[in-house]
């Protein structure tokens, strides 16, 4: 099996922010992950990546929340996207409250 692109999407969230999501199904798991998906999802605000999910080889599934890196429990590509979108909404709510 060759790697199969499942999702590649970039869209604006606000005039100063965008999200990008890329998910591949791969022939064998990435070192550190227990599934056959390779992914990177990023939320960028004012040219700064403030939220990122990825499974970089050797690090396994994790997410970056600002400068913090925490483990992420991957279940399905659909749940990955849902979790990412929820984190974007949470980040936006927190950011709006801190600016008011």
PDB file of N, CA and C in Angstrom:
ATOM      1  N   UNK A   1       0.844  -1.193   0.000  1.00  0.00           N
ATOM      2  CA  UNK A   1       0.000   0.000   0.000  1.00  0.00           C
ATOM      3  C   UNK A   1       0.881   1.246   0.000  1.00  0.00           C
ATOM      4  N   UNK A   2       0.550   2.190  -0.849  1.00  0.00           N
ATOM      5  CA  UNK A   2       1.218   3.490  -0.853  1.00  0.00           C
ATOM      6  C   UNK A   2       0.500   4.401   0.133  1.00  0.00           C
ATOM      7  N   UNK A   3       1.188   5.454   0.555  1.00  0.00           N
ATOM      8  CA  UNK A   3       0.537   6.449   1.404  1.00  0.00           C
ATOM      9  C   UNK A   3      -0.642   7.048   0.645  1.00  0.00           C
ATOM     10  N   UNK A   4      -1.747   7.271   1.371  1.00  0.00           N
ATOM     11  CA  UNK A   4      -2.965   7.799   0.757  1.00  0.00           C
ATOM     12  C   UNK A   4      -3.370   9.083   1.479  1.00  0.00           C
ATOM     13  N   UNK A   5      -3.453  10.166   0.736  1.00  0.00           N
ATOM     14  CA  UNK A   5      -3.872  11.443   1.303  1.00  0.00           C
ATOM     15  C   UNK A   5      -5.362  11.390   1.610  1.00  0.00           C
ATOM     16  N   UNK A   6      -5.734  11.567   2.883  1.00  0.00           N
ATOM     17  CA  UNK A   6      -7.139  11.536   3.290  1.00  0.00           C
ATOM     18  C   UNK A   6      -7.744  12.932   3.424  1.00  0.00           C
ATOM     19  N   UNK A   7      -6.899  13.887   3.813  1.00  0.00           N
ATOM     20  CA  UNK A   7      -7.402  15.242   4.057  1.00  0.00           C
ATOM     21  C   UNK A   7      -6.274  16.233   3.821  1.00  0.00           C
ATOM     22  N   UNK A   8      -6.557  17.249   3.048  1.00  0.00           N
ATOM     23  CA  UNK A   8      -5.634  18.377   2.890  1.00  0.00           C
ATOM     24  C   UNK A   8      -6.495  19.607   2.712  1.00  0.00           C
ATOM     25  N   UNK A   9      -6.517  20.439   3.737  1.00  0.00           N
ATOM     26  CA  UNK A   9      -7.408  21.599   3.729  1.00  0.00           C
ATOM     27  C   UNK A   9      -6.749  22.769   4.449  1.00  0.00           C
ATOM     28  N   UNK A  10      -6.893  23.927   3.866  1.00  0.00           N
ATOM     29  CA  UNK A  10      -6.442  25.165   4.503  1.00  0.00           C
ATOM     30  C   UNK A  10      -7.583  26.157   4.354  1.00  0.00           C
ATOM     31  N   UNK A  11      -7.966  26.766   5.482  1.00  0.00           N
ATOM     32  CA  UNK A  11      -9.053  27.742   5.398  1.00  0.00           C
ATOM     33  C   UNK A  11      -8.860  28.846   6.431  1.00  0.00           C
ATOM     34  N   UNK A  12      -9.358  30.009   6.066  1.00  0.00           N
ATOM     35  CA  UNK A  12      -9.315  31.155   6.972  1.00  0.00           C
ATOM     36  C   UNK A  12     -10.306  30.932   8.104  1.00  0.00           C
ATOM     37  N   UNK A  13      -9.913  31.367   9.291  1.00  0.00           N
ATOM     38  CA  UNK A  13     -10.812  31.323  10.440  1.00  0.00           C
ATOM     39  C   UNK A  13     -11.269  32.750  10.737  1.00  0.00           C
ATOM     40  N   UNK A  14     -10.335  33.671  10.732  1.00  0.00           N
ATOM     41  CA  UNK A  14     -10.603  35.104  10.872  1.00  0.00           C
ATOM     42  C   UNK A  14      -9.701  35.807   9.854  1.00  0.00           C
ATOM     43  N   UNK A  15      -9.842  37.107   9.680  1.00  0.00           N
ATOM     44  CA  UNK A  15      -8.954  37.797   8.736  1.00  0.00           C
ATOM     45  C   UNK A  15      -7.460  37.647   9.071  1.00  0.00           C
ATOM     46  N   UNK A  16      -7.151  37.384  10.330  1.00  0.00           N
ATOM     47  CA  UNK A  16      -5.737  37.274  10.728  1.00  0.00           C
ATOM     48  C   UNK A  16      -5.326  35.854  11.121  1.00  0.00           C
ATOM     49  N   UNK A  17      -6.187  34.864  10.834  1.00  0.00           N
ATOM     50  CA  UNK A  17      -5.842  33.492  11.227  1.00  0.00           C
ATOM     51  C   UNK A  17      -6.323  32.474  10.200  1.00  0.00           C
ATOM     52  N   UNK A  18      -5.660  31.315  10.205  1.00  0.00           N
ATOM     53  CA  UNK A  18      -6.078  30.221   9.339  1.00  0.00           C
ATOM     54  C   UNK A  18      -5.749  28.898  10.008  1.00  0.00           C
ATOM     55  N   UNK A  19      -6.403  27.849   9.513  1.00  0.00           N
ATOM     56  CA  UNK A  19      -6.090  26.496   9.963  1.00  0.00           C
ATOM     57  C   UNK A  19      -5.664  25.692   8.753  1.00  0.00           C
ATOM     58  N   UNK A  20      -4.766  24.738   8.993  1.00  0.00           N
ATOM     59  CA  UNK A  20      -4.349  23.820   7.938  1.00  0.00           C
ATOM     60  C   UNK A  20      -4.366  22.420   8.517  1.00  0.00           C
ATOM     61  N   UNK A  21      -4.977  21.482   7.772  1.00  0.00           N
ATOM     62  CA  UNK A  21      -5.082  20.105   8.231  1.00  0.00           C
ATOM     63  C   UNK A  21      -4.622  19.173   7.117  1.00  0.00           C
ATOM     64  N   UNK A  22      -3.696  18.271   7.452  1.00  0.00           N
ATOM     65  CA  UNK A  22      -3.206  17.274   6.505  1.00  0.00           C
ATOM     66  C   UNK A  22      -3.166  15.928   7.224  1.00  0.00           C
ATOM     67  N   UNK A  23      -3.827  14.928   6.649  1.00  0.00           N
ATOM     68  CA  UNK A  23      -3.861  13.578   7.233  1.00  0.00           C
ATOM     69  C   UNK A  23      -3.592  12.572   6.116  1.00  0.00           C
ATOM     70  N   UNK A  24      -2.639  11.685   6.354  1.00  0.00           N
ATOM     71  CA  UNK A  24      -2.295  10.606   5.425  1.00  0.00           C
ATOM     72  C   UNK A  24      -2.550   9.265   6.092  1.00  0.00           C
ATOM     73  N   UNK A  25      -2.973   8.287   5.327  1.00  0.00           N
ATOM     74  CA  UNK A  25      -2.943   6.901   5.792  1.00  0.00           C
ATOM     75  C   UNK A  25      -1.666   6.324   5.203  1.00  0.00           C
ATOM     76  N   UNK A  26      -0.823   5.762   6.045  1.00  0.00           N
ATOM     77  CA  UNK A  26       0.500   5.294   5.622  1.00  0.00           C
ATOM     78  C   UNK A  26       0.600   3.771   5.743  1.00  0.00           C
ATOM     79  N   UNK A  27       1.521   3.162   4.980  1.00  0.00           N
ATOM     80  CA  UNK A  27       1.632   1.696   4.976  1.00  0.00           C
ATOM     81  C   UNK A  27       2.023   1.101   6.326  1.00  0.00           C
ATOM     82  N   UNK A  28       2.774   1.847   7.121  1.00  0.00           N
ATOM     83  CA  UNK A  28       3.133   1.370   8.463  1.00  0.00           C
ATOM     84  C   UNK A  28       3.159   2.554   9.415  1.00  0.00           C
ATOM     85  N   UNK A  29       2.954   2.273  10.689  1.00  0.00           N
ATOM     86  CA  UNK A  29       2.856   3.356  11.662  1.00  0.00           C
ATOM     87  C   UNK A  29       4.150   4.154  11.737  1.00  0.00           C
ATOM     88  N   UNK A  30       3.986   5.423  12.041  1.00  0.00           N
ATOM     89  CA  UNK A  30       5.114   6.318  12.267  1.00  0.00           C
ATOM     90  C   UNK A  30       5.730   5.930  13.604  1.00  0.00           C
ATOM     91  N   UNK A  31       7.049   5.919  13.688  1.00  0.00           N
ATOM     92  CA  UNK A  31       7.727   5.553  14.936  1.00  0.00           C
ATOM     93  C   UNK A  31       7.161   6.377  16.099  1.00  0.00           C
ATOM     94  N   UNK A  32       6.690   5.681  17.124  1.00  0.00           N
ATOM     95  CA  UNK A  32       6.105   6.337  18.290  1.00  0.00           C
ATOM     96  C   UNK A  32       4.591   6.333  18.291  1.00  0.00           C
ATOM     97  N   UNK A  33       3.964   5.991  17.169  1.00  0.00           N
ATOM     98  CA  UNK A  33       2.502   5.933  17.074  1.00  0.00           C
ATOM     99  C   UNK A  33       2.064   4.487  16.883  1.00  0.00           C
ATOM    100  N   UNK A  34       0.837   4.171  17.291  1.00  0.00           N
ATOM    101  CA  UNK A  34       0.314   2.811  17.208  1.00  0.00           C
ATOM    102  C   UNK A  34      -0.770   2.663  16.148  1.00  0.00           C
ATOM    103  N   UNK A  35      -0.803   3.536  15.164  1.00  0.00           N
ATOM    104  CA  UNK A  35      -1.824   3.520  14.117  1.00  0.00           C
ATOM    105  C   UNK A  35      -1.158   3.826  12.781  1.00  0.00           C
ATOM    106  N   UNK A  36      -1.910   3.684  11.709  1.00  0.00           N
ATOM    107  CA  UNK A  36      -1.323   3.873  10.380  1.00  0.00           C
ATOM    108  C   UNK A  36      -1.708   5.213   9.746  1.00  0.00           C
ATOM    109  N   UNK A  37      -1.613   6.293  10.545  1.00  0.00           N
ATOM    110  CA  UNK A  37      -1.896   7.635  10.053  1.00  0.00           C
ATOM    111  C   UNK A  37      -0.735   8.565  10.383  1.00  0.00           C
ATOM    112  N   UNK A  38      -0.462   9.480   9.478  1.00  0.00           N
ATOM    113  CA  UNK A  38       0.525  10.544   9.680  1.00  0.00           C
ATOM    114  C   UNK A  38      -0.248  11.841   9.513  1.00  0.00           C
ATOM    115  N   UNK A  39      -0.072  12.779  10.449  1.00  0.00           N
ATOM    116  CA  UNK A  39      -0.884  13.988  10.391  1.00  0.00           C
ATOM    117  C   UNK A  39      -0.148  15.204  10.926  1.00  0.00           C
ATOM    118  N   UNK A  40      -0.630  16.353  10.461  1.00  0.00           N
ATOM    119  CA  UNK A  40      -0.230  17.633  11.026  1.00  0.00           C
ATOM    120  C   UNK A  40      -1.406  18.588  10.853  1.00  0.00           C
ATOM    121  N   UNK A  41      -1.788  19.197  11.928  1.00  0.00           N
ATOM    122  CA  UNK A  41      -2.886  20.154  11.920  1.00  0.00           C
ATOM    123  C   UNK A  41      -2.382  21.385  12.661  1.00  0.00           C
ATOM    124  N   UNK A  42      -2.557  22.541  12.081  1.00  0.00           N
ATOM    125  CA  UNK A  42      -2.017  23.757  12.688  1.00  0.00           C
ATOM    126  C   UNK A  42      -3.041  24.881  12.631  1.00  0.00           C
ATOM    127  N   UNK A  43      -3.017  25.697  13.674  1.00  0.00           N
ATOM    128  CA  UNK A  43      -3.815  26.917  13.728  1.00  0.00           C
ATOM    129  C   UNK A  43      -2.826  28.057  13.885  1.00  0.00           C
ATOM    130  N   UNK A  44      -2.861  29.007  12.944  1.00  0.00           N
ATOM    131  CA  UNK A  44      -1.893  30.096  12.888  1.00  0.00           C
ATOM    132  C   UNK A  44      -2.631  31.423  13.027  1.00  0.00           C
ATOM    133  N   UNK A  45      -2.147  32.258  13.956  1.00  0.00           N
ATOM    134  CA  UNK A  45      -2.741  33.565  14.213  1.00  0.00           C
ATOM    135  C   UNK A  45      -1.641  34.611  14.084  1.00  0.00           C
ATOM    136  N   UNK A  46      -1.875  35.620  13.273  1.00  0.00           N
ATOM    137  CA  UNK A  46      -0.879  36.678  13.058  1.00  0.00           C
ATOM    138  C   UNK A  46       0.497  36.095  12.745  1.00  0.00           C
ATOM    139  N   UNK A  47       0.509  35.083  11.881  1.00  0.00           N
ATOM    140  CA  UNK A  47       1.726  34.416  11.402  1.00  0.00           C
ATOM    141  C   UNK A  47       2.474  33.620  12.477  1.00  0.00           C
ATOM    142  N   UNK A  48       1.806  33.329  13.597  1.00  0.00           N
ATOM    143  CA  UNK A  48       2.395  32.526  14.674  1.00  0.00           C
ATOM    144  C   UNK A  48       1.538  31.275  14.873  1.00  0.00           C
ATOM    145  N   UNK A  49       2.171  30.102  14.871  1.00  0.00           N
ATOM    146  CA  UNK A  49       1.449  28.865  15.120  1.00  0.00           C
ATOM    147  C   UNK A  49       1.158  28.770  16.618  1.00  0.00           C
ATOM    148  N   UNK A  50      -0.119  28.852  16.979  1.00  0.00           N
ATOM    149  CA  UNK A  50      -0.511  28.842  18.391  1.00  0.00           C
ATOM    150  C   UNK A  50      -1.039  27.484  18.841  1.00  0.00           C
ATOM    151  N   UNK A  51      -1.357  26.606  17.866  1.00  0.00           N
ATOM    152  CA  UNK A  51      -1.889  25.281  18.181  1.00  0.00           C
ATOM    153  C   UNK A  51      -1.488  24.334  17.058  1.00  0.00           C
ATOM    154  N   UNK A  52      -0.912  23.187  17.437  1.00  0.00           N
ATOM    155  CA  UNK A  52      -0.517  22.214  16.423  1.00  0.00           C
ATOM    156  C   UNK A  52      -0.656  20.804  16.966  1.00  0.00           C
ATOM    157  N   UNK A  53      -1.219  19.928  16.158  1.00  0.00           N
ATOM    158  CA  UNK A  53      -1.291  18.499  16.446  1.00  0.00           C
ATOM    159  C   UNK A  53      -0.393  17.813  15.423  1.00  0.00           C
ATOM    160  N   UNK A  54       0.426  16.875  15.863  1.00  0.00           N
ATOM    161  CA  UNK A  54       1.208  16.101  14.908  1.00  0.00           C
ATOM    162  C   UNK A  54       1.723  14.825  15.563  1.00  0.00           C
ATOM    163  N   UNK A  55       2.246  13.945  14.720  1.00  0.00           N
ATOM    164  CA  UNK A  55       2.866  12.720  15.232  1.00  0.00           C
ATOM    165  C   UNK A  55       4.234  12.548  14.562  1.00  0.00           C
ATOM    166  N   UNK A  56       5.072  13.505  14.848  1.00  0.00           N
ATOM    167  CA  UNK A  56       6.443  13.507  14.354  1.00  0.00           C
ATOM    168  C   UNK A  56       7.131  12.189  14.711  1.00  0.00           C
ATOM    169  N   UNK A  57       7.874  11.656  13.761  1.00  0.00           N
ATOM    170  CA  UNK A  57       8.561  10.377  13.979  1.00  0.00           C
ATOM    171  C   UNK A  57       9.404  10.400  15.246  1.00  0.00           C
ATOM    172  N   UNK A  58       9.202   9.394  16.093  1.00  0.00           N
ATOM    173  CA  UNK A  58       9.951   9.294  17.339  1.00  0.00           C
ATOM    174  C   UNK A  58       9.268   9.960  18.519  1.00  0.00           C
ATOM    175  N   UNK A  59       8.389  10.918  18.269  1.00  0.00           N
ATOM    176  CA  UNK A  59       7.696  11.613  19.349  1.00  0.00           C
ATOM    177  C   UNK A  59       6.304  11.061  19.590  1.00  0.00           C
ATOM    178  N   UNK A  60       5.728  10.438  18.573  1.00  0.00           N
ATOM    179  CA  UNK A  60       4.374   9.918  18.712  1.00  0.00           C
ATOM    180  C   UNK A  60       3.335  11.015  18.681  1.00  0.00           C
ATOM    181  N   UNK A  61       2.130  10.678  19.082  1.00  0.00           N
ATOM    182  CA  UNK A  61       0.995  11.596  19.026  1.00  0.00           C
ATOM    183  C   UNK A  61       1.098  12.645  20.130  1.00  0.00           C
ATOM    184  N   UNK A  62       1.032  13.909  19.720  1.00  0.00           N
ATOM    185  CA  UNK A  62       1.087  14.990  20.695  1.00  0.00           C
ATOM    186  C   UNK A  62       0.517  16.263  20.081  1.00  0.00           C
ATOM    187  N   UNK A  63       0.333  17.251  20.941  1.00  0.00           N
ATOM    188  CA  UNK A  63      -0.114  18.556  20.465  1.00  0.00           C
ATOM    189  C   UNK A  63       0.689  19.647  21.155  1.00  0.00           C
ATOM    190  N   UNK A  64       0.805  20.746  20.455  1.00  0.00           N
ATOM    191  CA  UNK A  64       1.508  21.920  20.954  1.00  0.00           C
ATOM    192  C   UNK A  64       0.452  22.982  21.235  1.00  0.00           C
ATOM    193  N   UNK A  65       0.416  23.438  22.465  1.00  0.00           N
ATOM    194  CA  UNK A  65      -0.492  24.507  22.869  1.00  0.00           C
ATOM    195  C   UNK A  65       0.397  25.687  23.226  1.00  0.00           C
ATOM    196  N   UNK A  66       0.570  26.598  22.298  1.00  0.00           N
ATOM    197  CA  UNK A  66       1.559  27.658  22.494  1.00  0.00           C
ATOM    198  C   UNK A  66       2.929  27.027  22.572  1.00  0.00           C
ATOM    199  N   UNK A  67       3.638  27.268  23.655  1.00  0.00           N
ATOM    200  CA  UNK A  67       4.978  26.702  23.838  1.00  0.00           C
ATOM    201  C   UNK A  67       4.962  25.359  24.559  1.00  0.00           C
ATOM    202  N   UNK A  68       3.792  24.938  25.036  1.00  0.00           N
ATOM    203  CA  UNK A  68       3.685  23.671  25.756  1.00  0.00           C
ATOM    204  C   UNK A  68       3.414  22.518  24.787  1.00  0.00           C
ATOM    205  N   UNK A  69       3.998  21.364  25.079  1.00  0.00           N
ATOM    206  CA  UNK A  69       3.778  20.156  24.291  1.00  0.00           C
ATOM    207  C   UNK A  69       3.208  19.094  25.223  1.00  0.00           C
ATOM    208  N   UNK A  70       2.058  18.523  24.839  1.00  0.00           N
ATOM    209  CA  UNK A  70       1.409  17.509  25.671  1.00  0.00           C
ATOM    210  C   UNK A  70       1.039  16.308  24.811  1.00  0.00           C
ATOM    211  N   UNK A  71       0.947  15.153  25.440  1.00  0.00           N
ATOM    212  CA  UNK A  71       0.553  13.934  24.731  1.00  0.00           C
ATOM    213  C   UNK A  71      -0.871  14.065  24.221  1.00  0.00           C
ATOM    214  N   UNK A  72      -1.147  13.361  23.144  1.00  0.00           N
ATOM    215  CA  UNK A  72      -2.488  13.314  22.586  1.00  0.00           C
ATOM    216  C   UNK A  72      -2.831  11.850  22.333  1.00  0.00           C
ATOM    217  N   UNK A  73      -4.031  11.438  22.723  1.00  0.00           N
ATOM    218  CA  UNK A  73      -4.471  10.061  22.508  1.00  0.00           C
ATOM    219  C   UNK A  73      -5.253  10.012  21.198  1.00  0.00           C
ATOM    220  N   UNK A  74      -4.623   9.472  20.159  1.00  0.00           N
ATOM    221  CA  UNK A  74      -5.241   9.355  18.846  1.00  0.00           C
ATOM    222  C   UNK A  74      -6.190   8.162  18.835  1.00  0.00           C
ATOM    223  N   UNK A  75      -7.414   8.375  18.295  1.00  0.00           N
ATOM    224  CA  UNK A  75      -8.353   7.265  18.133  1.00  0.00           C
ATOM    225  C   UNK A  75      -8.721   7.069  16.663  1.00  0.00           C
ATOM    226  N   UNK A  76      -9.208   8.143  16.016  1.00  0.00           N
ATOM    227  CA  UNK A  76      -9.576   8.088  14.603  1.00  0.00           C
ATOM    228  C   UNK A  76      -9.261   9.435  13.954  1.00  0.00           C
ATOM    229  N   UNK A  77      -9.127   9.466  12.630  1.00  0.00           N
ATOM    230  CA  UNK A  77      -8.936  10.757  11.962  1.00  0.00           C
ATOM    231  C   UNK A  77     -10.092  11.726  12.213  1.00  0.00           C
ATOM    232  N   UNK A  78     -11.309  11.218  12.239  1.00  0.00           N
ATOM    233  CA  UNK A  78     -12.468  12.076  12.495  1.00  0.00           C
ATOM    234  C   UNK A  78     -12.390  12.703  13.876  1.00  0.00           C
ATOM    235  N   UNK A  79     -12.044  11.903  14.886  1.00  0.00           N
ATOM    236  CA  UNK A  79     -11.930  12.431  16.243  1.00  0.00           C
ATOM    237  C   UNK A  79     -10.778  13.418  16.345  1.00  0.00           C
ATOM    238  N   UNK A  80      -9.690  13.158  15.643  1.00  0.00           N
ATOM    239  CA  UNK A  80      -8.553  14.080  15.604  1.00  0.00           C
ATOM    240  C   UNK A  80      -8.998  15.461  15.135  1.00  0.00           C
ATOM    241  N   UNK A  81      -9.713  15.505  14.020  1.00  0.00           N
ATOM    242  CA  UNK A  81     -10.190  16.785  13.485  1.00  0.00           C
ATOM    243  C   UNK A  81     -11.167  17.436  14.463  1.00  0.00           C
ATOM    244  N   UNK A  82     -12.081  16.665  15.033  1.00  0.00           N
ATOM    245  CA  UNK A  82     -13.033  17.214  16.012  1.00  0.00           C
ATOM    246  C   UNK A  82     -12.304  17.823  17.210  1.00  0.00           C
ATOM    247  N   UNK A  83     -11.309  17.109  17.741  1.00  0.00           N
ATOM    248  CA  UNK A  83     -10.546  17.612  18.896  1.00  0.00           C
ATOM    249  C   UNK A  83      -9.803  18.893  18.534  1.00  0.00           C
ATOM    250  N   UNK A  84      -9.210  18.911  17.346  1.00  0.00           N
ATOM    251  CA  UNK A  84      -8.483  20.088  16.879  1.00  0.00           C
ATOM    252  C   UNK A  84      -9.415  21.291  16.768  1.00  0.00           C
ATOM    253  N   UNK A  85     -10.575  21.111  16.158  1.00  0.00           N
ATOM    254  CA  UNK A  85     -11.533  22.210  16.013  1.00  0.00           C
ATOM    255  C   UNK A  85     -12.023  22.711  17.373  1.00  0.00           C
ATOM    256  N   UNK A  86     -12.231  21.797  18.318  1.00  0.00           N
ATOM    257  CA  UNK A  86     -12.618  22.211  19.676  1.00  0.00           C
ATOM    258  C   UNK A  86     -11.509  23.022  20.340  1.00  0.00           C
ATOM    259  N   UNK A  87     -10.257  22.600  20.148  1.00  0.00           N
ATOM    260  CA  UNK A  87      -9.145  23.351  20.725  1.00  0.00           C
ATOM    261  C   UNK A  87      -8.999  24.734  20.098  1.00  0.00           C
ATOM    262  N   UNK A  88      -9.294  24.852  18.807  1.00  0.00           N
ATOM    263  CA  UNK A  88      -9.280  26.176  18.172  1.00  0.00           C
ATOM    264  C   UNK A  88     -10.333  27.062  18.823  1.00  0.00           C
ATOM    265  N   UNK A  89     -11.537  26.534  18.988  1.00  0.00           N
ATOM    266  CA  UNK A  89     -12.600  27.325  19.615  1.00  0.00           C
ATOM    267  C   UNK A  89     -12.227  27.719  21.042  1.00  0.00           C
ATOM    268  N   UNK A  90     -11.633  26.783  21.788  1.00  0.00           N
ATOM    269  CA  UNK A  90     -11.208  27.094  23.154  1.00  0.00           C
ATOM    270  C   UNK A  90     -10.133  28.172  23.159  1.00  0.00           C
ATOM    271  N   UNK A  91      -9.176  28.053  22.251  1.00  0.00           N
ATOM    272  CA  UNK A  91      -8.104  29.051  22.158  1.00  0.00           C
ATOM    273  C   UNK A  91      -8.697  30.423  21.845  1.00  0.00           C
ATOM    274  N   UNK A  92      -9.646  30.460  20.909  1.00  0.00           N
ATOM    275  CA  UNK A  92     -10.255  31.736  20.535  1.00  0.00           C
ATOM    276  C   UNK A  92     -11.033  32.339  21.702  1.00  0.00           C
ATOM    277  N   UNK A  93     -11.771  31.499  22.449  1.00  0.00           N
ATOM    278  CA  UNK A  93     -12.506  32.008  23.608  1.00  0.00           C
ATOM    279  C   UNK A  93     -11.543  32.562  24.652  1.00  0.00           C
ATOM    280  N   UNK A  94     -10.489  31.822  24.938  1.00  0.00           N
ATOM    281  CA  UNK A  94      -9.495  32.280  25.924  1.00  0.00           C
ATOM    282  C   UNK A  94      -8.828  33.556  25.470  1.00  0.00           C
ATOM    283  N   UNK A  95      -8.503  33.630  24.195  1.00  0.00           N
ATOM    284  CA  UNK A  95      -7.824  34.804  23.655  1.00  0.00           C
ATOM    285  C   UNK A  95      -8.719  36.030  23.682  1.00  0.00           C
ATOM    286  N   UNK A  96      -9.987  35.853  23.331  1.00  0.00           N
ATOM    287  CA  UNK A  96     -10.914  36.973  23.351  1.00  0.00           C
ATOM    288  C   UNK A  96     -11.102  37.501  24.767  1.00  0.00           C
ATOM    289  N   UNK A  97     -11.181  36.588  25.762  1.00  0.00           N
ATOM    290  CA  UNK A  97     -11.341  37.021  27.150  1.00  0.00           C
ATOM    291  C   UNK A  97     -10.106  37.766  27.650  1.00  0.00           C
ATOM    292  N   UNK A  98      -8.937  37.342  27.224  1.00  0.00           N
ATOM    293  CA  UNK A  98      -7.722  38.003  27.713  1.00  0.00           C
ATOM    294  C   UNK A  98      -7.518  39.361  27.068  1.00  0.00           C
ATOM    295  N   UNK A  99      -8.190  39.616  25.925  1.00  0.00           N
ATOM    296  CA  UNK A  99      -8.049  40.917  25.253  1.00  0.00           C
ATOM    297  C   UNK A  99      -9.161  41.900  25.628  1.00  0.00           C
ATOM    298  N   UNK A 100     -10.136  41.452  26.388  1.00  0.00           N
ATOM    299  CA  UNK A 100     -11.249  42.335  26.783  1.00  0.00           C
ATOM    300  C   UNK A 100     -11.046  42.887  28.163  1.00  0.00           C
TER     301      UNK A 100
END
